[in-house]
């Protein structure tokens, strides 16, 4: 049986979780103070996801900060970054505007995180 320890980021408590796995499947989660801890451990051990944040150049030389609307599977971060490499966006851009649809075939959009006039 494999044992993993991790710090939960599901709520501000930051509980230290102990996860026991057998053949890659979660068997037990301990150390969580709330239900979110168990949910976080299950997701993190079976299908970890991350929100990708980066900057894309604007045509006038300024930079636009962007992020994925939702977490994408951790294994798709590099394909996501490759899809964003070399892009150039035209201003103006509004906060929350979709700048790339379905990045790297994830079904997740990349959005602007600020207004740029």
C-alpha atoms as a PDB file:
ATOM      1  CA  UNK A   1       0.000   0.000   0.000  1.00  0.00           C
ATOM      2  CA  UNK A   2       1.329   3.410  -0.999  1.00  0.00           C
ATOM      3  CA  UNK A   3       1.110   6.374   1.395  1.00  0.00           C
ATOM      4  CA  UNK A   4       1.159  10.038   0.326  1.00  0.00           C
ATOM      5  CA  UNK A   5       1.177  13.109   2.522  1.00  0.00           C
ATOM      6  CA  UNK A   6      -0.047  16.430   1.224  1.00  0.00           C
ATOM      7  CA  UNK A   7      -1.262  19.789   2.435  1.00  0.00           C
ATOM      8  CA  UNK A   8      -4.892  20.459   1.623  1.00  0.00           C
ATOM      9  CA  UNK A   9      -5.674  23.705  -0.208  1.00  0.00           C
ATOM     10  CA  UNK A  10      -9.453  23.214  -0.134  1.00  0.00           C
ATOM     11  CA  UNK A  11      -9.979  25.750   2.659  1.00  0.00           C
ATOM     12  CA  UNK A  12      -7.844  28.109   4.775  1.00  0.00           C
ATOM     13  CA  UNK A  13      -7.014  25.474   7.431  1.00  0.00           C
ATOM     14  CA  UNK A  14      -4.282  23.789   5.354  1.00  0.00           C
ATOM     15  CA  UNK A  15      -4.702  20.352   6.936  1.00  0.00           C
ATOM     16  CA  UNK A  16      -1.951  17.773   6.534  1.00  0.00           C
ATOM     17  CA  UNK A  17      -3.591  14.867   4.748  1.00  0.00           C
ATOM     18  CA  UNK A  18      -2.435  11.279   4.676  1.00  0.00           C
ATOM     19  CA  UNK A  19      -3.694   9.324   1.687  1.00  0.00           C
ATOM     20  CA  UNK A  20      -3.397   5.575   1.424  1.00  0.00           C
ATOM     21  CA  UNK A  21      -3.555   4.119  -2.093  1.00  0.00           C
ATOM     22  CA  UNK A  22      -3.672   0.600  -3.414  1.00  0.00           C
ATOM     23  CA  UNK A  23      -2.967   0.046  -7.120  1.00  0.00           C
ATOM     24  CA  UNK A  24      -3.368   3.809  -7.659  1.00  0.00           C
ATOM     25  CA  UNK A  25      -6.843   3.932  -6.088  1.00  0.00           C
ATOM     26  CA  UNK A  26      -7.497   5.953  -2.932  1.00  0.00           C
ATOM     27  CA  UNK A  27      -8.411   3.667  -0.049  1.00  0.00           C
ATOM     28  CA  UNK A  28      -8.381   6.125   2.848  1.00  0.00           C
ATOM     29  CA  UNK A  29      -7.914   9.829   3.553  1.00  0.00           C
ATOM     30  CA  UNK A  30      -7.103  11.020   7.071  1.00  0.00           C
ATOM     31  CA  UNK A  31      -6.138  14.327   8.638  1.00  0.00           C
ATOM     32  CA  UNK A  32      -8.868  16.410   7.020  1.00  0.00           C
ATOM     33  CA  UNK A  33     -10.990  18.690   9.176  1.00  0.00           C
ATOM     34  CA  UNK A  34     -13.725  19.071   6.581  1.00  0.00           C
ATOM     35  CA  UNK A  35     -15.250  17.298   3.592  1.00  0.00           C
ATOM     36  CA  UNK A  36     -13.281  19.479   1.188  1.00  0.00           C
ATOM     37  CA  UNK A  37     -10.064  17.828   2.344  1.00  0.00           C
ATOM     38  CA  UNK A  38     -11.240  14.387   1.325  1.00  0.00           C
ATOM     39  CA  UNK A  39     -12.496  15.705  -2.022  1.00  0.00           C
ATOM     40  CA  UNK A  40      -9.175  17.493  -2.633  1.00  0.00           C
ATOM     41  CA  UNK A  41      -7.159  14.345  -1.863  1.00  0.00           C
ATOM     42  CA  UNK A  42      -9.312  12.191  -4.150  1.00  0.00           C
ATOM     43  CA  UNK A  43      -8.959  14.635  -7.029  1.00  0.00           C
ATOM     44  CA  UNK A  44      -5.260  15.276  -6.464  1.00  0.00           C
ATOM     45  CA  UNK A  45      -4.447  11.556  -6.453  1.00  0.00           C
ATOM     46  CA  UNK A  46      -6.654  10.554  -9.375  1.00  0.00           C
ATOM     47  CA  UNK A  47      -6.778  13.551 -11.732  1.00  0.00           C
ATOM     48  CA  UNK A  48      -4.768  16.555 -10.541  1.00  0.00           C
ATOM     49  CA  UNK A  49      -5.766  19.827 -12.185  1.00  0.00           C
ATOM     50  CA  UNK A  50      -4.168  23.259 -12.224  1.00  0.00           C
ATOM     51  CA  UNK A  51      -5.150  26.744 -13.348  1.00  0.00           C
ATOM     52  CA  UNK A  52      -2.547  27.947 -15.829  1.00  0.00           C
ATOM     53  CA  UNK A  53      -1.486  31.589 -15.628  1.00  0.00           C
ATOM     54  CA  UNK A  54       0.875  33.347 -18.012  1.00  0.00           C
ATOM     55  CA  UNK A  55       1.306  36.488 -20.112  1.00  0.00           C
ATOM     56  CA  UNK A  56       0.716  36.970 -23.826  1.00  0.00           C
ATOM     57  CA  UNK A  57       2.230  39.890 -25.749  1.00  0.00           C
ATOM     58  CA  UNK A  58      -0.032  42.538 -27.182  1.00  0.00           C
ATOM     59  CA  UNK A  59       0.691  43.839 -30.678  1.00  0.00           C
ATOM     60  CA  UNK A  60       1.931  47.156 -29.209  1.00  0.00           C
ATOM     61  CA  UNK A  61       4.582  45.476 -27.032  1.00  0.00           C
ATOM     62  CA  UNK A  62       2.684  45.483 -23.745  1.00  0.00           C
ATOM     63  CA  UNK A  63       1.876  42.211 -21.995  1.00  0.00           C
ATOM     64  CA  UNK A  64      -1.559  40.818 -21.160  1.00  0.00           C
ATOM     65  CA  UNK A  65      -1.928  38.540 -18.146  1.00  0.00           C
ATOM     66  CA  UNK A  66      -4.177  35.550 -18.831  1.00  0.00           C
ATOM     67  CA  UNK A  67      -5.380  32.371 -17.127  1.00  0.00           C
ATOM     68  CA  UNK A  68      -7.424  29.294 -17.868  1.00  0.00           C
ATOM     69  CA  UNK A  69     -11.070  29.690 -16.839  1.00  0.00           C
ATOM     70  CA  UNK A  70     -10.874  26.410 -14.914  1.00  0.00           C
ATOM     71  CA  UNK A  71      -8.227  23.956 -13.906  1.00  0.00           C
ATOM     72  CA  UNK A  72      -6.878  21.723 -16.657  1.00  0.00           C
ATOM     73  CA  UNK A  73      -5.408  18.265 -16.171  1.00  0.00           C
ATOM     74  CA  UNK A  74      -1.839  18.599 -14.932  1.00  0.00           C
ATOM     75  CA  UNK A  75      -0.596  16.432 -17.819  1.00  0.00           C
ATOM     76  CA  UNK A  76      -1.897  19.037 -20.308  1.00  0.00           C
ATOM     77  CA  UNK A  77      -0.045  22.066 -18.887  1.00  0.00           C
ATOM     78  CA  UNK A  78       2.853  21.798 -21.347  1.00  0.00           C
ATOM     79  CA  UNK A  79       0.561  21.370 -24.402  1.00  0.00           C
ATOM     80  CA  UNK A  80      -1.430  24.366 -23.127  1.00  0.00           C
ATOM     81  CA  UNK A  81       1.700  26.512 -22.838  1.00  0.00           C
ATOM     82  CA  UNK A  82       2.822  25.420 -26.315  1.00  0.00           C
ATOM     83  CA  UNK A  83      -0.564  26.487 -27.708  1.00  0.00           C
ATOM     84  CA  UNK A  84      -0.138  29.937 -26.140  1.00  0.00           C
ATOM     85  CA  UNK A  85       3.486  30.390 -27.247  1.00  0.00           C
ATOM     86  CA  UNK A  86       3.863  32.821 -30.111  1.00  0.00           C
ATOM     87  CA  UNK A  87       0.375  34.303 -29.811  1.00  0.00           C
ATOM     88  CA  UNK A  88      -0.080  38.030 -30.071  1.00  0.00           C
ATOM     89  CA  UNK A  89      -3.300  39.761 -29.027  1.00  0.00           C
ATOM     90  CA  UNK A  90      -4.729  43.059 -30.265  1.00  0.00           C
ATOM     91  CA  UNK A  91      -5.829  45.649 -27.720  1.00  0.00           C
ATOM     92  CA  UNK A  92      -8.335  46.590 -26.397  1.00  0.00           C
ATOM     93  CA  UNK A  93      -9.046  43.587 -24.207  1.00  0.00           C
ATOM     94  CA  UNK A  94     -11.563  43.421 -21.363  1.00  0.00           C
ATOM     95  CA  UNK A  95     -11.226  41.567 -18.073  1.00  0.00           C
ATOM     96  CA  UNK A  96     -12.713  38.085 -18.514  1.00  0.00           C
ATOM     97  CA  UNK A  97     -12.646  38.229 -22.323  1.00  0.00           C
ATOM     98  CA  UNK A  98     -11.851  34.901 -23.970  1.00  0.00           C
ATOM     99  CA  UNK A  99      -8.525  35.225 -25.798  1.00  0.00           C
ATOM    100  CA  UNK A 100      -8.126  31.521 -26.712  1.00  0.00           C
ATOM    101  CA  UNK A 101     -11.000  29.043 -26.988  1.00  0.00           C
ATOM    102  CA  UNK A 102     -10.562  25.368 -26.133  1.00  0.00           C
ATOM    103  CA  UNK A 103      -6.830  25.664 -25.470  1.00  0.00           C
ATOM    104  CA  UNK A 104      -4.920  22.523 -26.477  1.00  0.00           C
ATOM    105  CA  UNK A 105      -8.176  20.621 -26.925  1.00  0.00           C
ATOM    106  CA  UNK A 106      -8.979  20.791 -23.204  1.00  0.00           C
ATOM    107  CA  UNK A 107     -12.415  22.350 -23.651  1.00  0.00           C
ATOM    108  CA  UNK A 108     -11.207  25.164 -21.378  1.00  0.00           C
ATOM    109  CA  UNK A 109     -10.875  28.796 -22.503  1.00  0.00           C
ATOM    110  CA  UNK A 110      -8.033  31.195 -21.703  1.00  0.00           C
ATOM    111  CA  UNK A 111      -9.259  34.580 -20.477  1.00  0.00           C
ATOM    112  CA  UNK A 112      -7.753  38.009 -19.825  1.00  0.00           C
ATOM    113  CA  UNK A 113      -7.207  38.814 -16.173  1.00  0.00           C
ATOM    114  CA  UNK A 114      -7.277  42.591 -16.622  1.00  0.00           C
ATOM    115  CA  UNK A 115      -8.523  45.357 -18.873  1.00  0.00           C
ATOM    116  CA  UNK A 116      -6.110  46.775 -21.444  1.00  0.00           C
ATOM    117  CA  UNK A 117      -7.163  49.877 -23.374  1.00  0.00           C
END
